[in-house]
Amino acid sequence: MAQYRKKSVVIEADRVGTHPTARRMTAEWCSGRLGDDHALGPVIYIDTPVGQMVALVGDWIIKGSAGEFYPCGPDIFDATYEAV
């Protein structure tokens, strides 16, 4: 088994906020759809290369290197990325 280091790459990301206007702007940025799940609360539905995914308040939405969007939990985002 070998070890590998993640390549350094700059990404665009936006955090799903609590304010409805901020959530709407984030949804527009990633071509997502606003929703309100009875169990999860306010959400943004995102079409990703692997199917539809849900971003919750506090999650990050990342724009990948190929222009695709996907959600990322705050704990994984904080462990993986730092501001530039």
PDB file of N, CA and C in Angstrom:
ATOM      1  N   MET A   1       0.852  -1.171   0.000  1.00  0.00           N
ATOM      2  CA  MET A   1       0.000   0.000   0.000  1.00  0.00           C
ATOM      3  C   MET A   1       0.895   1.230   0.000  1.00  0.00           C
ATOM      4  N   ALA A   2       0.495   2.252  -0.761  1.00  0.00           N
ATOM      5  CA  ALA A   2       1.240   3.507  -0.855  1.00  0.00           C
ATOM      6  C   ALA A   2       0.449   4.636  -0.211  1.00  0.00           C
ATOM      7  N   GLN A   3       1.121   5.729   0.085  1.00  0.00           N
ATOM      8  CA  GLN A   3       0.453   6.909   0.633  1.00  0.00           C
ATOM      9  C   GLN A   3       0.347   7.969  -0.445  1.00  0.00           C
ATOM     10  N   TYR A   4      -0.719   8.761  -0.382  1.00  0.00           N
ATOM     11  CA  TYR A   4      -0.959   9.818  -1.361  1.00  0.00           C
ATOM     12  C   TYR A   4      -1.370  11.088  -0.642  1.00  0.00           C
ATOM     13  N   ARG A   5      -1.003  12.226  -1.227  1.00  0.00           N
ATOM     14  CA  ARG A   5      -1.388  13.530  -0.699  1.00  0.00           C
ATOM     15  C   ARG A   5      -2.390  14.156  -1.664  1.00  0.00           C
ATOM     16  N   LYS A   6      -3.413  14.788  -1.136  1.00  0.00           N
ATOM     17  CA  LYS A   6      -4.395  15.454  -1.971  1.00  0.00           C
ATOM     18  C   LYS A   6      -3.740  16.631  -2.681  1.00  0.00           C
ATOM     19  N   LYS A   7      -3.966  16.741  -3.978  1.00  0.00           N
ATOM     20  CA  LYS A   7      -3.405  17.850  -4.747  1.00  0.00           C
ATOM     21  C   LYS A   7      -4.003  19.164  -4.273  1.00  0.00           C
ATOM     22  N   SER A   8      -3.181  20.182  -4.264  1.00  0.00           N
ATOM     23  CA  SER A   8      -3.648  21.502  -3.870  1.00  0.00           C
ATOM     24  C   SER A   8      -4.447  22.115  -5.016  1.00  0.00           C
ATOM     25  N   VAL A   9      -5.678  22.468  -4.739  1.00  0.00           N
ATOM     26  CA  VAL A   9      -6.538  23.066  -5.751  1.00  0.00           C
ATOM     27  C   VAL A   9      -7.413  24.123  -5.068  1.00  0.00           C
ATOM     28  N   VAL A  10      -7.637  25.227  -5.743  1.00  0.00           N
ATOM     29  CA  VAL A  10      -8.496  26.281  -5.217  1.00  0.00           C
ATOM     30  C   VAL A  10      -9.909  26.026  -5.724  1.00  0.00           C
ATOM     31  N   ILE A  11     -10.865  26.039  -4.818  1.00  0.00           N
ATOM     32  CA  ILE A  11     -12.264  25.790  -5.173  1.00  0.00           C
ATOM     33  C   ILE A  11     -13.107  27.011  -4.830  1.00  0.00           C
ATOM     34  N   GLU A  12     -14.299  27.070  -5.399  1.00  0.00           N
ATOM     35  CA  GLU A  12     -15.299  28.053  -4.995  1.00  0.00           C
ATOM     36  C   GLU A  12     -16.293  27.330  -4.101  1.00  0.00           C
ATOM     37  N   ALA A  13     -16.742  27.998  -3.044  1.00  0.00           N
ATOM     38  CA  ALA A  13     -17.708  27.386  -2.142  1.00  0.00           C
ATOM     39  C   ALA A  13     -18.555  28.472  -1.509  1.00  0.00           C
ATOM     40  N   ASP A  14     -19.753  28.094  -1.097  1.00  0.00           N
ATOM     41  CA  ASP A  14     -20.652  29.001  -0.398  1.00  0.00           C
ATOM     42  C   ASP A  14     -21.353  28.201   0.686  1.00  0.00           C
ATOM     43  N   ARG A  15     -21.512  28.788   1.845  1.00  0.00           N
ATOM     44  CA  ARG A  15     -22.162  28.101   2.962  1.00  0.00           C
ATOM     45  C   ARG A  15     -23.650  28.380   2.944  1.00  0.00           C
ATOM     46  N   VAL A  16     -24.447  27.350   3.178  1.00  0.00           N
ATOM     47  CA  VAL A  16     -25.899  27.494   3.234  1.00  0.00           C
ATOM     48  C   VAL A  16     -26.247  28.204   4.533  1.00  0.00           C
ATOM     49  N   GLY A  17     -26.841  29.391   4.400  1.00  0.00           N
ATOM     50  CA  GLY A  17     -27.136  30.209   5.566  1.00  0.00           C
ATOM     51  C   GLY A  17     -28.539  30.016   6.113  1.00  0.00           C
ATOM     52  N   THR A  18     -28.797  30.691   7.216  1.00  0.00           N
ATOM     53  CA  THR A  18     -30.100  30.583   7.860  1.00  0.00           C
ATOM     54  C   THR A  18     -31.109  31.569   7.282  1.00  0.00           C
ATOM     55  N   HIS A  19     -30.638  32.675   6.741  1.00  0.00           N
ATOM     56  CA  HIS A  19     -31.539  33.697   6.218  1.00  0.00           C
ATOM     57  C   HIS A  19     -32.088  33.270   4.855  1.00  0.00           C
ATOM     58  N   PRO A  20     -33.397  33.387   4.659  1.00  0.00           N
ATOM     59  CA  PRO A  20     -34.005  32.951   3.393  1.00  0.00           C
ATOM     60  C   PRO A  20     -33.393  33.599   2.148  1.00  0.00           C
ATOM     61  N   THR A  21     -33.046  34.878   2.214  1.00  0.00           N
ATOM     62  CA  THR A  21     -32.458  35.552   1.052  1.00  0.00           C
ATOM     63  C   THR A  21     -31.076  34.980   0.737  1.00  0.00           C
ATOM     64  N   ALA A  22     -30.294  34.724   1.770  1.00  0.00           N
ATOM     65  CA  ALA A  22     -28.962  34.131   1.565  1.00  0.00           C
ATOM     66  C   ALA A  22     -29.093  32.734   0.961  1.00  0.00           C
ATOM     67  N   ARG A  23     -30.048  31.934   1.457  1.00  0.00           N
ATOM     68  CA  ARG A  23     -30.258  30.592   0.898  1.00  0.00           C
ATOM     69  C   ARG A  23     -30.673  30.667  -0.563  1.00  0.00           C
ATOM     70  N   ARG A  24     -31.535  31.627  -0.892  1.00  0.00           N
ATOM     71  CA  ARG A  24     -31.978  31.788  -2.282  1.00  0.00           C
ATOM     72  C   ARG A  24     -30.794  32.134  -3.186  1.00  0.00           C
ATOM     73  N   MET A  25     -29.927  33.021  -2.725  1.00  0.00           N
ATOM     74  CA  MET A  25     -28.758  33.412  -3.526  1.00  0.00           C
ATOM     75  C   MET A  25     -27.815  32.224  -3.722  1.00  0.00           C
ATOM     76  N   THR A  26     -27.630  31.419  -2.682  1.00  0.00           N
ATOM     77  CA  THR A  26     -26.784  30.231  -2.803  1.00  0.00           C
ATOM     78  C   THR A  26     -27.402  29.237  -3.780  1.00  0.00           C
ATOM     79  N   ALA A  27     -28.708  29.042  -3.684  1.00  0.00           N
ATOM     80  CA  ALA A  27     -29.398  28.118  -4.598  1.00  0.00           C
ATOM     81  C   ALA A  27     -29.270  28.591  -6.043  1.00  0.00           C
ATOM     82  N   GLU A  28     -29.404  29.886  -6.272  1.00  0.00           N
ATOM     83  CA  GLU A  28     -29.257  30.424  -7.630  1.00  0.00           C
ATOM     84  C   GLU A  28     -27.833  30.203  -8.149  1.00  0.00           C
ATOM     85  N   TRP A  29     -26.830  30.390  -7.288  1.00  0.00           N
ATOM     86  CA  TRP A  29     -25.433  30.224  -7.681  1.00  0.00           C
ATOM     87  C   TRP A  29     -25.154  28.807  -8.172  1.00  0.00           C
ATOM     88  N   CYS A  30     -25.733  27.815  -7.503  1.00  0.00           N
ATOM     89  CA  CYS A  30     -25.436  26.427  -7.854  1.00  0.00           C
ATOM     90  C   CYS A  30     -26.547  25.771  -8.677  1.00  0.00           C
ATOM     91  N   SER A  31     -27.490  26.583  -9.161  1.00  0.00           N
ATOM     92  CA  SER A  31     -28.649  26.076  -9.916  1.00  0.00           C
ATOM     93  C   SER A  31     -29.432  25.046  -9.106  1.00  0.00           C
ATOM     94  N   GLY A  32     -29.469  25.250  -7.809  1.00  0.00           N
ATOM     95  CA  GLY A  32     -30.210  24.352  -6.916  1.00  0.00           C
ATOM     96  C   GLY A  32     -31.649  24.807  -6.737  1.00  0.00           C
ATOM     97  N   ARG A  33     -32.411  23.993  -6.038  1.00  0.00           N
ATOM     98  CA  ARG A  33     -33.807  24.298  -5.767  1.00  0.00           C
ATOM     99  C   ARG A  33     -34.038  24.348  -4.262  1.00  0.00           C
ATOM    100  N   LEU A  34     -34.694  25.409  -3.827  1.00  0.00           N
ATOM    101  CA  LEU A  34     -35.017  25.543  -2.411  1.00  0.00           C
ATOM    102  C   LEU A  34     -36.110  24.556  -2.043  1.00  0.00           C
ATOM    103  N   GLY A  35     -36.043  24.064  -0.830  1.00  0.00           N
ATOM    104  CA  GLY A  35     -37.073  23.169  -0.335  1.00  0.00           C
ATOM    105  C   GLY A  35     -37.174  23.286   1.170  1.00  0.00           C
ATOM    106  N   ASP A  36     -38.179  22.628   1.715  1.00  0.00           N
ATOM    107  CA  ASP A  36     -38.369  22.597   3.159  1.00  0.00           C
ATOM    108  C   ASP A  36     -38.776  21.178   3.520  1.00  0.00           C
ATOM    109  N   ASP A  37     -37.831  20.407   4.003  1.00  0.00           N
ATOM    110  CA  ASP A  37     -38.061  19.019   4.372  1.00  0.00           C
ATOM    111  C   ASP A  37     -38.624  18.988   5.792  1.00  0.00           C
ATOM    112  N   HIS A  38     -39.703  18.256   5.999  1.00  0.00           N
ATOM    113  CA  HIS A  38     -40.346  18.255   7.326  1.00  0.00           C
ATOM    114  C   HIS A  38     -39.426  17.729   8.425  1.00  0.00           C
ATOM    115  N   ALA A  39     -38.465  16.883   8.094  1.00  0.00           N
ATOM    116  CA  ALA A  39     -37.543  16.343   9.094  1.00  0.00           C
ATOM    117  C   ALA A  39     -36.242  17.132   9.179  1.00  0.00           C
ATOM    118  N   LEU A  40     -35.810  17.720   8.055  1.00  0.00           N
ATOM    119  CA  LEU A  40     -34.502  18.374   8.007  1.00  0.00           C
ATOM    120  C   LEU A  40     -34.560  19.891   8.074  1.00  0.00           C
ATOM    121  N   GLY A  41     -35.711  20.470   7.804  1.00  0.00           N
ATOM    122  CA  GLY A  41     -35.835  21.928   7.774  1.00  0.00           C
ATOM    123  C   GLY A  41     -35.538  22.471   6.390  1.00  0.00           C
ATOM    124  N   PRO A  42     -35.095  23.729   6.294  1.00  0.00           N
ATOM    125  CA  PRO A  42     -34.794  24.323   4.988  1.00  0.00           C
ATOM    126  C   PRO A  42     -33.614  23.609   4.329  1.00  0.00           C
ATOM    127  N   VAL A  43     -33.764  23.301   3.049  1.00  0.00           N
ATOM    128  CA  VAL A  43     -32.720  22.594   2.310  1.00  0.00           C
ATOM    129  C   VAL A  43     -32.558  23.198   0.924  1.00  0.00           C
ATOM    130  N   ILE A  44     -31.446  22.849   0.293  1.00  0.00           N
ATOM    131  CA  ILE A  44     -31.234  23.147  -1.123  1.00  0.00           C
ATOM    132  C   ILE A  44     -30.977  21.816  -1.812  1.00  0.00           C
ATOM    133  N   TYR A  45     -31.772  21.530  -2.835  1.00  0.00           N
ATOM    134  CA  TYR A  45     -31.593  20.318  -3.628  1.00  0.00           C
ATOM    135  C   TYR A  45     -30.631  20.642  -4.765  1.00  0.00           C
ATOM    136  N   ILE A  46     -29.593  19.814  -4.912  1.00  0.00           N
ATOM    137  CA  ILE A  46     -28.550  20.051  -5.905  1.00  0.00           C
ATOM    138  C   ILE A  46     -28.442  18.829  -6.812  1.00  0.00           C
ATOM    139  N   ASP A  47     -28.467  19.073  -8.121  1.00  0.00           N
ATOM    140  CA  ASP A  47     -28.212  17.999  -9.072  1.00  0.00           C
ATOM    141  C   ASP A  47     -26.709  17.847  -9.219  1.00  0.00           C
ATOM    142  N   THR A  48     -26.195  16.661  -8.886  1.00  0.00           N
ATOM    143  CA  THR A  48     -24.766  16.379  -8.957  1.00  0.00           C
ATOM    144  C   THR A  48     -24.535  15.290 -10.002  1.00  0.00           C
ATOM    145  N   PRO A  49     -23.284  15.049 -10.361  1.00  0.00           N
ATOM    146  CA  PRO A  49     -23.002  13.979 -11.319  1.00  0.00           C
ATOM    147  C   PRO A  49     -23.473  12.600 -10.852  1.00  0.00           C
ATOM    148  N   VAL A  50     -23.671  12.410  -9.552  1.00  0.00           N
ATOM    149  CA  VAL A  50     -24.111  11.107  -9.030  1.00  0.00           C
ATOM    150  C   VAL A  50     -25.578  11.108  -8.619  1.00  0.00           C
ATOM    151  N   GLY A  51     -26.314  12.164  -8.987  1.00  0.00           N
ATOM    152  CA  GLY A  51     -27.735  12.247  -8.640  1.00  0.00           C
ATOM    153  C   GLY A  51     -28.028  13.439  -7.752  1.00  0.00           C
ATOM    154  N   GLN A  52     -29.277  13.557  -7.355  1.00  0.00           N
ATOM    155  CA  GLN A  52     -29.683  14.691  -6.529  1.00  0.00           C
ATOM    156  C   GLN A  52     -29.190  14.508  -5.095  1.00  0.00           C
ATOM    157  N   MET A  53     -28.643  15.600  -4.531  1.00  0.00           N
ATOM    158  CA  MET A  53     -28.185  15.598  -3.144  1.00  0.00           C
ATOM    159  C   MET A  53     -28.820  16.787  -2.429  1.00  0.00           C
ATOM    160  N   VAL A  54     -28.794  16.742  -1.111  1.00  0.00           N
ATOM    161  CA  VAL A  54     -29.415  17.774  -0.277  1.00  0.00           C
ATOM    162  C   VAL A  54     -28.353  18.481   0.538  1.00  0.00           C
ATOM    163  N   ALA A  55     -28.404  19.807   0.540  1.00  0.00           N
ATOM    164  CA  ALA A  55     -27.536  20.620   1.391  1.00  0.00           C
ATOM    165  C   ALA A  55     -28.391  21.234   2.490  1.00  0.00           C
ATOM    166  N   LEU A  56     -27.963  21.060   3.714  1.00  0.00           N
ATOM    167  CA  LEU A  56     -28.669  21.591   4.875  1.00  0.00           C
ATOM    168  C   LEU A  56     -28.076  22.926   5.289  1.00  0.00           C
ATOM    169  N   VAL A  57     -28.783  23.655   6.123  1.00  0.00           N
ATOM    170  CA  VAL A  57     -28.243  24.883   6.692  1.00  0.00           C
ATOM    171  C   VAL A  57     -26.940  24.522   7.416  1.00  0.00           C
ATOM    172  N   GLY A  58     -25.874  25.257   7.141  1.00  0.00           N
ATOM    173  CA  GLY A  58     -24.565  25.016   7.734  1.00  0.00           C
ATOM    174  C   GLY A  58     -23.637  24.229   6.829  1.00  0.00           C
ATOM    175  N   ASP A  59     -24.198  23.497   5.858  1.00  0.00           N
ATOM    176  CA  ASP A  59     -23.366  22.779   4.896  1.00  0.00           C
ATOM    177  C   ASP A  59     -22.715  23.762   3.935  1.00  0.00           C
ATOM    178  N   TRP A  60     -21.665  23.319   3.283  1.00  0.00           N
ATOM    179  CA  TRP A  60     -21.016  24.069   2.221  1.00  0.00           C
ATOM    180  C   TRP A  60     -21.419  23.463   0.892  1.00  0.00           C
ATOM    181  N   ILE A  61     -21.565  24.290  -0.126  1.00  0.00           N
ATOM    182  CA  ILE A  61     -21.753  23.805  -1.482  1.00  0.00           C
ATOM    183  C   ILE A  61     -20.486  24.161  -2.232  1.00  0.00           C
ATOM    184  N   ILE A  62     -19.873  23.145  -2.822  1.00  0.00           N
ATOM    185  CA  ILE A  62     -18.581  23.289  -3.488  1.00  0.00           C
ATOM    186  C   ILE A  62     -18.780  23.202  -4.996  1.00  0.00           C
ATOM    187  N   LYS A  63     -18.092  24.096  -5.708  1.00  0.00           N
ATOM    188  CA  LYS A  63     -18.047  24.012  -7.168  1.00  0.00           C
ATOM    189  C   LYS A  63     -16.762  23.300  -7.525  1.00  0.00           C
ATOM    190  N   GLY A  64     -16.879  22.127  -8.141  1.00  0.00           N
ATOM    191  CA  GLY A  64     -15.721  21.318  -8.485  1.00  0.00           C
ATOM    192  C   GLY A  64     -14.975  21.847  -9.694  1.00  0.00           C
ATOM    193  N   SER A  65     -13.859  21.214  -9.984  1.00  0.00           N
ATOM    194  CA  SER A  65     -12.989  21.662 -11.068  1.00  0.00           C
ATOM    195  C   SER A  65     -13.626  21.527 -12.444  1.00  0.00           C
ATOM    196  N   ALA A  66     -14.623  20.674 -12.574  1.00  0.00           N
ATOM    197  CA  ALA A  66     -15.329  20.504 -13.850  1.00  0.00           C
ATOM    198  C   ALA A  66     -16.616  21.330 -13.899  1.00  0.00           C
ATOM    199  N   GLY A  67     -16.831  22.209 -12.900  1.00  0.00           N
ATOM    200  CA  GLY A  67     -18.021  23.052 -12.867  1.00  0.00           C
ATOM    201  C   GLY A  67     -19.217  22.410 -12.193  1.00  0.00           C
ATOM    202  N   GLU A  68     -19.041  21.205 -11.665  1.00  0.00           N
ATOM    203  CA  GLU A  68     -20.129  20.521 -10.977  1.00  0.00           C
ATOM    204  C   GLU A  68     -20.260  21.041  -9.548  1.00  0.00           C
ATOM    205  N   PHE A  69     -21.439  20.873  -8.958  1.00  0.00           N
ATOM    206  CA  PHE A  69     -21.681  21.315  -7.586  1.00  0.00           C
ATOM    207  C   PHE A  69     -22.022  20.110  -6.721  1.00  0.00           C
ATOM    208  N   TYR A  70     -21.623  20.167  -5.469  1.00  0.00           N
ATOM    209  CA  TYR A  70     -21.997  19.123  -4.526  1.00  0.00           C
ATOM    210  C   TYR A  70     -21.903  19.673  -3.104  1.00  0.00           C
ATOM    211  N   PRO A  71     -22.720  19.139  -2.187  1.00  0.00           N
ATOM    212  CA  PRO A  71     -22.691  19.599  -0.803  1.00  0.00           C
ATOM    213  C   PRO A  71     -21.566  18.933  -0.019  1.00  0.00           C
ATOM    214  N   CYS A  72     -21.151  19.612   1.033  1.00  0.00           N
ATOM    215  CA  CYS A  72     -20.093  19.096   1.902  1.00  0.00           C
ATOM    216  C   CYS A  72     -20.418  19.521   3.330  1.00  0.00           C
ATOM    217  N   GLY A  73     -20.406  18.579   4.252  1.00  0.00           N
ATOM    218  CA  GLY A  73     -20.653  18.898   5.658  1.00  0.00           C
ATOM    219  C   GLY A  73     -19.579  19.809   6.211  1.00  0.00           C
ATOM    220  N   PRO A  74     -19.927  20.632   7.208  1.00  0.00           N
ATOM    221  CA  PRO A  74     -18.962  21.599   7.738  1.00  0.00           C
ATOM    222  C   PRO A  74     -17.728  20.954   8.364  1.00  0.00           C
ATOM    223  N   ASP A  75     -17.869  19.789   8.981  1.00  0.00           N
ATOM    224  CA  ASP A  75     -16.709  19.149   9.602  1.00  0.00           C
ATOM    225  C   ASP A  75     -15.710  18.674   8.547  1.00  0.00           C
ATOM    226  N   ILE A  76     -16.188  18.101   7.463  1.00  0.00           N
ATOM    227  CA  ILE A  76     -15.297  17.656   6.386  1.00  0.00           C
ATOM    228  C   ILE A  76     -14.706  18.858   5.665  1.00  0.00           C
ATOM    229  N   PHE A  77     -15.514  19.894   5.433  1.00  0.00           N
ATOM    230  CA  PHE A  77     -15.020  21.099   4.775  1.00  0.00           C
ATOM    231  C   PHE A  77     -13.884  21.715   5.582  1.00  0.00           C
ATOM    232  N   ASP A  78     -14.088  21.866   6.901  1.00  0.00           N
ATOM    233  CA  ASP A  78     -13.064  22.482   7.758  1.00  0.00           C
ATOM    234  C   ASP A  78     -11.790  21.646   7.817  1.00  0.00           C
ATOM    235  N   ALA A  79     -11.909  20.329   7.720  1.00  0.00           N
ATOM    236  CA  ALA A  79     -10.734  19.458   7.777  1.00  0.00           C
ATOM    237  C   ALA A  79      -9.978  19.443   6.440  1.00  0.00           C
ATOM    238  N   THR A  80     -10.663  19.821   5.364  1.00  0.00           N
ATOM    239  CA  THR A  80     -10.089  19.686   4.027  1.00  0.00           C
ATOM    240  C   THR A  80      -9.627  21.007   3.423  1.00  0.00           C
ATOM    241  N   TYR A  81     -10.323  22.093   3.705  1.00  0.00           N
ATOM    242  CA  TYR A  81     -10.068  23.357   3.027  1.00  0.00           C
ATOM    243  C   TYR A  81      -9.685  24.456   4.009  1.00  0.00           C
ATOM    244  N   GLU A  82      -8.949  25.442   3.479  1.00  0.00           N
ATOM    245  CA  GLU A  82      -8.643  26.641   4.258  1.00  0.00           C
ATOM    246  C   GLU A  82      -8.810  27.833   3.315  1.00  0.00           C
ATOM    247  N   ALA A  83      -9.136  28.978   3.878  1.00  0.00           N
ATOM    248  CA  ALA A  83      -9.352  30.186   3.079  1.00  0.00           C
ATOM    249  C   ALA A  83      -8.048  30.624   2.413  1.00  0.00           C
ATOM    250  N   VAL A  84      -8.168  31.157   1.194  1.00  0.00           N
ATOM    251  CA  VAL A  84      -6.985  31.680   0.491  1.00  0.00           C
ATOM    252  C   VAL A  84      -7.110  33.171   0.331  1.00  0.00           C
TER     253      VAL A  84
END
